[in-house]
Amino acid sequence: MIAPPEVSRVTTTRVACDGATDIPGGAALGHPRVFLQIDEHGYVDCGYCDRRFILIGGPADGVDPSQLPDIASGASPQ
């Protein structure tokens, strides 16, 4: 498997992604803000930008992200 473009470790199971958090110029260069829900796998992938959110202390924390299958579930537009 190919590693995701970016991995963010988070402390909550509900996260927001706009694809431009760390890009100069902000949301104009990203995608619509979506809210993602981390489930029992301990991580979720954004369906727009493939950013992976891993729950700190969850089952995927400490696992090589390139070894985890893609999960793009729970996306809901703002």
PDB file of N, CA and C in Angstrom:
ATOM      1  N   MET A   1       0.830  -1.193   0.000  1.00  0.00           N
ATOM      2  CA  MET A   1       0.000   0.000   0.000  1.00  0.00           C
ATOM      3  C   MET A   1       0.868   1.247   0.000  1.00  0.00           C
ATOM      4  N   ILE A   2       0.324   2.308  -0.543  1.00  0.00           N
ATOM      5  CA  ILE A   2       1.008   3.594  -0.572  1.00  0.00           C
ATOM      6  C   ILE A   2       0.604   4.377   0.669  1.00  0.00           C
ATOM      7  N   ALA A   3       1.582   5.018   1.293  1.00  0.00           N
ATOM      8  CA  ALA A   3       1.293   5.823   2.481  1.00  0.00           C
ATOM      9  C   ALA A   3       0.399   6.999   2.123  1.00  0.00           C
ATOM     10  N   PRO A   4      -0.517   7.400   3.041  1.00  0.00           N
ATOM     11  CA  PRO A   4      -1.369   8.555   2.758  1.00  0.00           C
ATOM     12  C   PRO A   4      -0.526   9.827   2.673  1.00  0.00           C
ATOM     13  N   PRO A   5      -1.040  10.860   1.978  1.00  0.00           N
ATOM     14  CA  PRO A   5      -0.272  12.097   1.806  1.00  0.00           C
ATOM     15  C   PRO A   5       0.078  12.782   3.127  1.00  0.00           C
ATOM     16  N   GLU A   6      -0.816  12.715   4.095  1.00  0.00           N
ATOM     17  CA  GLU A   6      -0.572  13.372   5.375  1.00  0.00           C
ATOM     18  C   GLU A   6      -1.311  12.624   6.466  1.00  0.00           C
ATOM     19  N   VAL A   7      -0.691  12.517   7.634  1.00  0.00           N
ATOM     20  CA  VAL A   7      -1.319  11.865   8.785  1.00  0.00           C
ATOM     21  C   VAL A   7      -1.402  12.876   9.912  1.00  0.00           C
ATOM     22  N   SER A   8      -2.592  13.003  10.497  1.00  0.00           N
ATOM     23  CA  SER A   8      -2.793  13.871  11.653  1.00  0.00           C
ATOM     24  C   SER A   8      -3.243  13.011  12.822  1.00  0.00           C
ATOM     25  N   ARG A   9      -2.561  13.128  13.946  1.00  0.00           N
ATOM     26  CA  ARG A   9      -2.974  12.436  15.169  1.00  0.00           C
ATOM     27  C   ARG A   9      -3.888  13.381  15.936  1.00  0.00           C
ATOM     28  N   VAL A  10      -5.062  12.895  16.324  1.00  0.00           N
ATOM     29  CA  VAL A  10      -6.078  13.736  16.942  1.00  0.00           C
ATOM     30  C   VAL A  10      -6.548  13.132  18.260  1.00  0.00           C
ATOM     31  N   THR A  11      -7.202  13.962  19.082  1.00  0.00           N
ATOM     32  CA  THR A  11      -7.659  13.514  20.395  1.00  0.00           C
ATOM     33  C   THR A  11      -9.161  13.289  20.462  1.00  0.00           C
ATOM     34  N   THR A  12      -9.894  13.611  19.385  1.00  0.00           N
ATOM     35  CA  THR A  12     -11.341  13.428  19.373  1.00  0.00           C
ATOM     36  C   THR A  12     -11.740  12.532  18.209  1.00  0.00           C
ATOM     37  N   THR A  13     -12.910  11.877  18.331  1.00  0.00           N
ATOM     38  CA  THR A  13     -13.355  10.966  17.282  1.00  0.00           C
ATOM     39  C   THR A  13     -14.049  11.696  16.137  1.00  0.00           C
ATOM     40  N   ARG A  14     -14.404  12.954  16.320  1.00  0.00           N
ATOM     41  CA  ARG A  14     -15.020  13.752  15.250  1.00  0.00           C
ATOM     42  C   ARG A  14     -14.045  14.853  14.869  1.00  0.00           C
ATOM     43  N   VAL A  15     -13.677  14.871  13.593  1.00  0.00           N
ATOM     44  CA  VAL A  15     -12.693  15.837  13.104  1.00  0.00           C
ATOM     45  C   VAL A  15     -13.236  16.549  11.868  1.00  0.00           C
ATOM     46  N   ALA A  16     -12.720  17.735  11.602  1.00  0.00           N
ATOM     47  CA  ALA A  16     -13.083  18.502  10.408  1.00  0.00           C
ATOM     48  C   ALA A  16     -11.862  18.581   9.501  1.00  0.00           C
ATOM     49  N   CYS A  17     -12.106  18.521   8.197  1.00  0.00           N
ATOM     50  CA  CYS A  17     -11.019  18.643   7.226  1.00  0.00           C
ATOM     51  C   CYS A  17     -11.465  19.568   6.105  1.00  0.00           C
ATOM     52  N   ASP A  18     -10.593  20.527   5.752  1.00  0.00           N
ATOM     53  CA  ASP A  18     -10.867  21.395   4.606  1.00  0.00           C
ATOM     54  C   ASP A  18      -9.737  21.307   3.579  1.00  0.00           C
ATOM     55  N   GLY A  19      -8.774  20.449   3.839  1.00  0.00           N
ATOM     56  CA  GLY A  19      -7.691  20.220   2.890  1.00  0.00           C
ATOM     57  C   GLY A  19      -6.666  21.319   2.812  1.00  0.00           C
ATOM     58  N   ALA A  20      -6.828  22.387   3.593  1.00  0.00           N
ATOM     59  CA  ALA A  20      -5.916  23.524   3.468  1.00  0.00           C
ATOM     60  C   ALA A  20      -5.436  24.043   4.809  1.00  0.00           C
ATOM     61  N   THR A  21      -5.514  23.243   5.832  1.00  0.00           N
ATOM     62  CA  THR A  21      -5.147  23.698   7.167  1.00  0.00           C
ATOM     63  C   THR A  21      -3.733  24.258   7.227  1.00  0.00           C
ATOM     64  N   ASP A  22      -2.790  23.605   6.580  1.00  0.00           N
ATOM     65  CA  ASP A  22      -1.393  24.022   6.649  1.00  0.00           C
ATOM     66  C   ASP A  22      -0.887  24.688   5.371  1.00  0.00           C
ATOM     67  N   ILE A  23      -1.814  25.058   4.486  1.00  0.00           N
ATOM     68  CA  ILE A  23      -1.424  25.667   3.206  1.00  0.00           C
ATOM     69  C   ILE A  23      -1.547  27.184   3.296  1.00  0.00           C
ATOM     70  N   PRO A  24      -0.486  27.945   2.964  1.00  0.00           N
ATOM     71  CA  PRO A  24      -0.628  29.398   2.908  1.00  0.00           C
ATOM     72  C   PRO A  24      -1.701  29.759   1.879  1.00  0.00           C
ATOM     73  N   GLY A  25      -2.613  30.622   2.243  1.00  0.00           N
ATOM     74  CA  GLY A  25      -3.717  30.961   1.357  1.00  0.00           C
ATOM     75  C   GLY A  25      -5.019  30.339   1.833  1.00  0.00           C
ATOM     76  N   GLY A  26      -4.901  29.367   2.742  1.00  0.00           N
ATOM     77  CA  GLY A  26      -6.062  28.800   3.404  1.00  0.00           C
ATOM     78  C   GLY A  26      -7.038  28.059   2.524  1.00  0.00           C
ATOM     79  N   ALA A  27      -8.322  28.168   2.895  1.00  0.00           N
ATOM     80  CA  ALA A  27      -9.378  27.358   2.300  1.00  0.00           C
ATOM     81  C   ALA A  27      -9.558  27.573   0.806  1.00  0.00           C
ATOM     82  N   ALA A  28      -9.097  28.690   0.266  1.00  0.00           N
ATOM     83  CA  ALA A  28      -9.233  28.928  -1.175  1.00  0.00           C
ATOM     84  C   ALA A  28      -8.488  27.862  -1.978  1.00  0.00           C
ATOM     85  N   LEU A  29      -7.513  27.224  -1.368  1.00  0.00           N
ATOM     86  CA  LEU A  29      -6.731  26.204  -2.064  1.00  0.00           C
ATOM     87  C   LEU A  29      -7.099  24.791  -1.633  1.00  0.00           C
ATOM     88  N   GLY A  30      -8.067  24.648  -0.742  1.00  0.00           N
ATOM     89  CA  GLY A  30      -8.422  23.332  -0.223  1.00  0.00           C
ATOM     90  C   GLY A  30      -9.660  22.759  -0.883  1.00  0.00           C
ATOM     91  N   HIS A  31     -10.539  22.182  -0.059  1.00  0.00           N
ATOM     92  CA  HIS A  31     -11.792  21.583  -0.524  1.00  0.00           C
ATOM     93  C   HIS A  31     -12.889  21.965   0.469  1.00  0.00           C
ATOM     94  N   PRO A  32     -14.151  21.678   0.166  1.00  0.00           N
ATOM     95  CA  PRO A  32     -15.213  22.011   1.121  1.00  0.00           C
ATOM     96  C   PRO A  32     -14.945  21.338   2.469  1.00  0.00           C
ATOM     97  N   ARG A  33     -15.251  22.027   3.537  1.00  0.00           N
ATOM     98  CA  ARG A  33     -15.044  21.459   4.872  1.00  0.00           C
ATOM     99  C   ARG A  33     -16.000  20.300   5.078  1.00  0.00           C
ATOM    100  N   VAL A  34     -15.445  19.174   5.509  1.00  0.00           N
ATOM    101  CA  VAL A  34     -16.240  17.996   5.841  1.00  0.00           C
ATOM    102  C   VAL A  34     -15.910  17.572   7.264  1.00  0.00           C
ATOM    103  N   PHE A  35     -16.872  16.953   7.905  1.00  0.00           N
ATOM    104  CA  PHE A  35     -16.666  16.402   9.235  1.00  0.00           C
ATOM    105  C   PHE A  35     -16.602  14.891   9.102  1.00  0.00           C
ATOM    106  N   LEU A  36     -15.615  14.304   9.742  1.00  0.00           N
ATOM    107  CA  LEU A  36     -15.372  12.865   9.649  1.00  0.00           C
ATOM    108  C   LEU A  36     -15.486  12.253  11.038  1.00  0.00           C
ATOM    109  N   GLN A  37     -15.997  11.042  11.095  1.00  0.00           N
ATOM    110  CA  GLN A  37     -16.156  10.334  12.362  1.00  0.00           C
ATOM    111  C   GLN A  37     -15.204   9.139  12.382  1.00  0.00           C
ATOM    112  N   ILE A  38     -14.341   9.099  13.387  1.00  0.00           N
ATOM    113  CA  ILE A  38     -13.433   7.966  13.548  1.00  0.00           C
ATOM    114  C   ILE A  38     -14.211   6.852  14.244  1.00  0.00           C
ATOM    115  N   ASP A  39     -14.184   5.663  13.644  1.00  0.00           N
ATOM    116  CA  ASP A  39     -14.953   4.548  14.192  1.00  0.00           C
ATOM    117  C   ASP A  39     -14.049   3.581  14.960  1.00  0.00           C
ATOM    118  N   GLU A  40     -14.493   2.339  15.070  1.00  0.00           N
ATOM    119  CA  GLU A  40     -13.768   1.339  15.872  1.00  0.00           C
ATOM    120  C   GLU A  40     -12.391   0.999  15.310  1.00  0.00           C
ATOM    121  N   HIS A  41     -12.100   1.396  14.066  1.00  0.00           N
ATOM    122  CA  HIS A  41     -10.772   1.152  13.489  1.00  0.00           C
ATOM    123  C   HIS A  41      -9.719   2.087  14.079  1.00  0.00           C
ATOM    124  N   GLY A  42     -10.169   3.225  14.624  1.00  0.00           N
ATOM    125  CA  GLY A  42      -9.248   4.177  15.233  1.00  0.00           C
ATOM    126  C   GLY A  42      -8.687   5.202  14.268  1.00  0.00           C
ATOM    127  N   TYR A  43      -9.206   5.238  13.038  1.00  0.00           N
ATOM    128  CA  TYR A  43      -8.747   6.228  12.063  1.00  0.00           C
ATOM    129  C   TYR A  43      -9.787   6.381  10.971  1.00  0.00           C
ATOM    130  N   VAL A  44      -9.660   7.476  10.204  1.00  0.00           N
ATOM    131  CA  VAL A  44     -10.520   7.710   9.044  1.00  0.00           C
ATOM    132  C   VAL A  44      -9.728   8.532   8.038  1.00  0.00           C
ATOM    133  N   ASP A  45     -10.031   8.350   6.751  1.00  0.00           N
ATOM    134  CA  ASP A  45      -9.379   9.087   5.671  1.00  0.00           C
ATOM    135  C   ASP A  45     -10.364  10.081   5.075  1.00  0.00           C
ATOM    136  N   CYS A  46      -9.890  11.279   4.758  1.00  0.00           N
ATOM    137  CA  CYS A  46     -10.724  12.268   4.081  1.00  0.00           C
ATOM    138  C   CYS A  46     -10.933  11.824   2.637  1.00  0.00           C
ATOM    139  N   GLY A  47     -12.169  11.827   2.184  1.00  0.00           N
ATOM    140  CA  GLY A  47     -12.488  11.425   0.829  1.00  0.00           C
ATOM    141  C   GLY A  47     -12.034  12.408  -0.229  1.00  0.00           C
ATOM    142  N   TYR A  48     -11.750  13.649   0.171  1.00  0.00           N
ATOM    143  CA  TYR A  48     -11.288  14.660  -0.784  1.00  0.00           C
ATOM    144  C   TYR A  48      -9.767  14.640  -0.943  1.00  0.00           C
ATOM    145  N   CYS A  49      -9.054  14.763   0.154  1.00  0.00           N
ATOM    146  CA  CYS A  49      -7.603  14.961   0.068  1.00  0.00           C
ATOM    147  C   CYS A  49      -6.784  13.775   0.575  1.00  0.00           C
ATOM    148  N   ASP A  50      -7.440  12.737   1.064  1.00  0.00           N
ATOM    149  CA  ASP A  50      -6.778  11.527   1.564  1.00  0.00           C
ATOM    150  C   ASP A  50      -6.008  11.726   2.859  1.00  0.00           C
ATOM    151  N   ARG A  51      -6.161  12.884   3.504  1.00  0.00           N
ATOM    152  CA  ARG A  51      -5.511  13.066   4.800  1.00  0.00           C
ATOM    153  C   ARG A  51      -6.065  12.010   5.756  1.00  0.00           C
ATOM    154  N   ARG A  52      -5.197  11.387   6.506  1.00  0.00           N
ATOM    155  CA  ARG A  52      -5.602  10.346   7.449  1.00  0.00           C
ATOM    156  C   ARG A  52      -5.572  10.915   8.866  1.00  0.00           C
ATOM    157  N   PHE A  53      -6.650  10.715   9.595  1.00  0.00           N
ATOM    158  CA  PHE A  53      -6.766  11.145  10.986  1.00  0.00           C
ATOM    159  C   PHE A  53      -6.728   9.908  11.866  1.00  0.00           C
ATOM    160  N   ILE A  54      -5.761   9.840  12.771  1.00  0.00           N
ATOM    161  CA  ILE A  54      -5.589   8.701  13.662  1.00  0.00           C
ATOM    162  C   ILE A  54      -5.868   9.157  15.091  1.00  0.00           C
ATOM    163  N   LEU A  55      -6.738   8.429  15.780  1.00  0.00           N
ATOM    164  CA  LEU A  55      -7.092   8.751  17.158  1.00  0.00           C
ATOM    165  C   LEU A  55      -5.958   8.340  18.091  1.00  0.00           C
ATOM    166  N   ILE A  56      -5.452   9.301  18.856  1.00  0.00           N
ATOM    167  CA  ILE A  56      -4.389   9.025  19.824  1.00  0.00           C
ATOM    168  C   ILE A  56      -4.924   8.046  20.868  1.00  0.00           C
ATOM    169  N   GLY A  57      -4.215   6.957  21.076  1.00  0.00           N
ATOM    170  CA  GLY A  57      -4.623   5.931  22.028  1.00  0.00           C
ATOM    171  C   GLY A  57      -5.577   4.903  21.446  1.00  0.00           C
ATOM    172  N   GLY A  58      -5.986   5.091  20.185  1.00  0.00           N
ATOM    173  CA  GLY A  58      -6.898   4.157  19.524  1.00  0.00           C
ATOM    174  C   GLY A  58      -6.151   2.956  18.957  1.00  0.00           C
ATOM    175  N   PRO A  59      -6.890   2.008  18.364  1.00  0.00           N
ATOM    176  CA  PRO A  59      -6.258   0.793  17.854  1.00  0.00           C
ATOM    177  C   PRO A  59      -5.256   1.022  16.719  1.00  0.00           C
ATOM    178  N   ALA A  60      -5.349   2.124  16.005  1.00  0.00           N
ATOM    179  CA  ALA A  60      -4.417   2.393  14.901  1.00  0.00           C
ATOM    180  C   ALA A  60      -3.218   3.231  15.344  1.00  0.00           C
ATOM    181  N   ASP A  61      -3.255   3.750  16.563  1.00  0.00           N
ATOM    182  CA  ASP A  61      -2.157   4.579  17.064  1.00  0.00           C
ATOM    183  C   ASP A  61      -0.916   3.708  17.256  1.00  0.00           C
ATOM    184  N   GLY A  62       0.174   4.114  16.666  1.00  0.00           N
ATOM    185  CA  GLY A  62       1.420   3.368  16.785  1.00  0.00           C
ATOM    186  C   GLY A  62       1.619   2.344  15.682  1.00  0.00           C
ATOM    187  N   VAL A  63       0.615   2.160  14.815  1.00  0.00           N
ATOM    188  CA  VAL A  63       0.719   1.243  13.683  1.00  0.00           C
ATOM    189  C   VAL A  63       1.249   2.022  12.484  1.00  0.00           C
ATOM    190  N   ASP A  64       2.069   1.390  11.670  1.00  0.00           N
ATOM    191  CA  ASP A  64       2.579   2.028  10.458  1.00  0.00           C
ATOM    192  C   ASP A  64       1.391   2.409   9.571  1.00  0.00           C
ATOM    193  N   PRO A  65       1.152   3.718   9.319  1.00  0.00           N
ATOM    194  CA  PRO A  65      -0.015   4.145   8.539  1.00  0.00           C
ATOM    195  C   PRO A  65      -0.093   3.533   7.143  1.00  0.00           C
ATOM    196  N   SER A  66       1.036   3.184   6.558  1.00  0.00           N
ATOM    197  CA  SER A  66       1.007   2.593   5.219  1.00  0.00           C
ATOM    198  C   SER A  66       0.476   1.163   5.238  1.00  0.00           C
ATOM    199  N   GLN A  67       0.362   0.561   6.410  1.00  0.00           N
ATOM    200  CA  GLN A  67      -0.147  -0.804   6.531  1.00  0.00           C
ATOM    201  C   GLN A  67      -1.650  -0.847   6.793  1.00  0.00           C
ATOM    202  N   LEU A  68      -2.279   0.307   6.995  1.00  0.00           N
ATOM    203  CA  LEU A  68      -3.710   0.371   7.270  1.00  0.00           C
ATOM    204  C   LEU A  68      -4.488   0.538   5.971  1.00  0.00           C
ATOM    205  N   PRO A  69      -5.609  -0.189   5.792  1.00  0.00           N
ATOM    206  CA  PRO A  69      -6.411  -0.014   4.584  1.00  0.00           C
ATOM    207  C   PRO A  69      -7.096   1.349   4.561  1.00  0.00           C
ATOM    208  N   ASP A  70      -7.484   1.816   3.384  1.00  0.00           N
ATOM    209  CA  ASP A  70      -8.173   3.093   3.249  1.00  0.00           C
ATOM    210  C   ASP A  70      -9.575   2.990   3.832  1.00  0.00           C
ATOM    211  N   ILE A  71      -9.952   3.989   4.633  1.00  0.00           N
ATOM    212  CA  ILE A  71     -11.306   4.073   5.172  1.00  0.00           C
ATOM    213  C   ILE A  71     -11.773   5.513   4.974  1.00  0.00           C
ATOM    214  N   ALA A  72     -12.703   5.708   4.081  1.00  0.00           N
ATOM    215  CA  ALA A  72     -13.254   7.045   3.820  1.00  0.00           C
ATOM    216  C   ALA A  72     -14.729   6.993   4.158  1.00  0.00           C
ATOM    217  N   SER A  73     -15.027   6.912   5.437  1.00  0.00           N
ATOM    218  CA  SER A  73     -16.417   6.823   5.857  1.00  0.00           C
ATOM    219  C   SER A  73     -16.740   7.949   6.825  1.00  0.00           C
ATOM    220  N   GLY A  74     -17.999   8.238   6.939  1.00  0.00           N
ATOM    221  CA  GLY A  74     -18.416   9.239   7.905  1.00  0.00           C
ATOM    222  C   GLY A  74     -18.294  10.662   7.430  1.00  0.00           C
ATOM    223  N   ALA A  75     -17.994  10.910   6.162  1.00  0.00           N
ATOM    224  CA  ALA A  75     -17.854  12.276   5.667  1.00  0.00           C
ATOM    225  C   ALA A  75     -19.228  12.934   5.558  1.00  0.00           C
ATOM    226  N   SER A  76     -19.313  14.131   6.093  1.00  0.00           N
ATOM    227  CA  SER A  76     -20.547  14.889   5.969  1.00  0.00           C
ATOM    228  C   SER A  76     -20.202  16.351   5.715  1.00  0.00           C
ATOM    229  N   PRO A  77     -20.771  16.971   4.686  1.00  0.00           N
ATOM    230  CA  PRO A  77     -20.466  18.368   4.413  1.00  0.00           C
ATOM    231  C   PRO A  77     -20.926  19.270   5.543  1.00  0.00           C
ATOM    232  N   GLN A  78     -20.281  20.402   5.686  1.00  0.00           N
ATOM    233  CA  GLN A  78     -20.612  21.350   6.752  1.00  0.00           C
ATOM    234  C   GLN A  78     -21.962  21.964   6.514  1.00  0.00           C
TER     235      GLN A  78
END
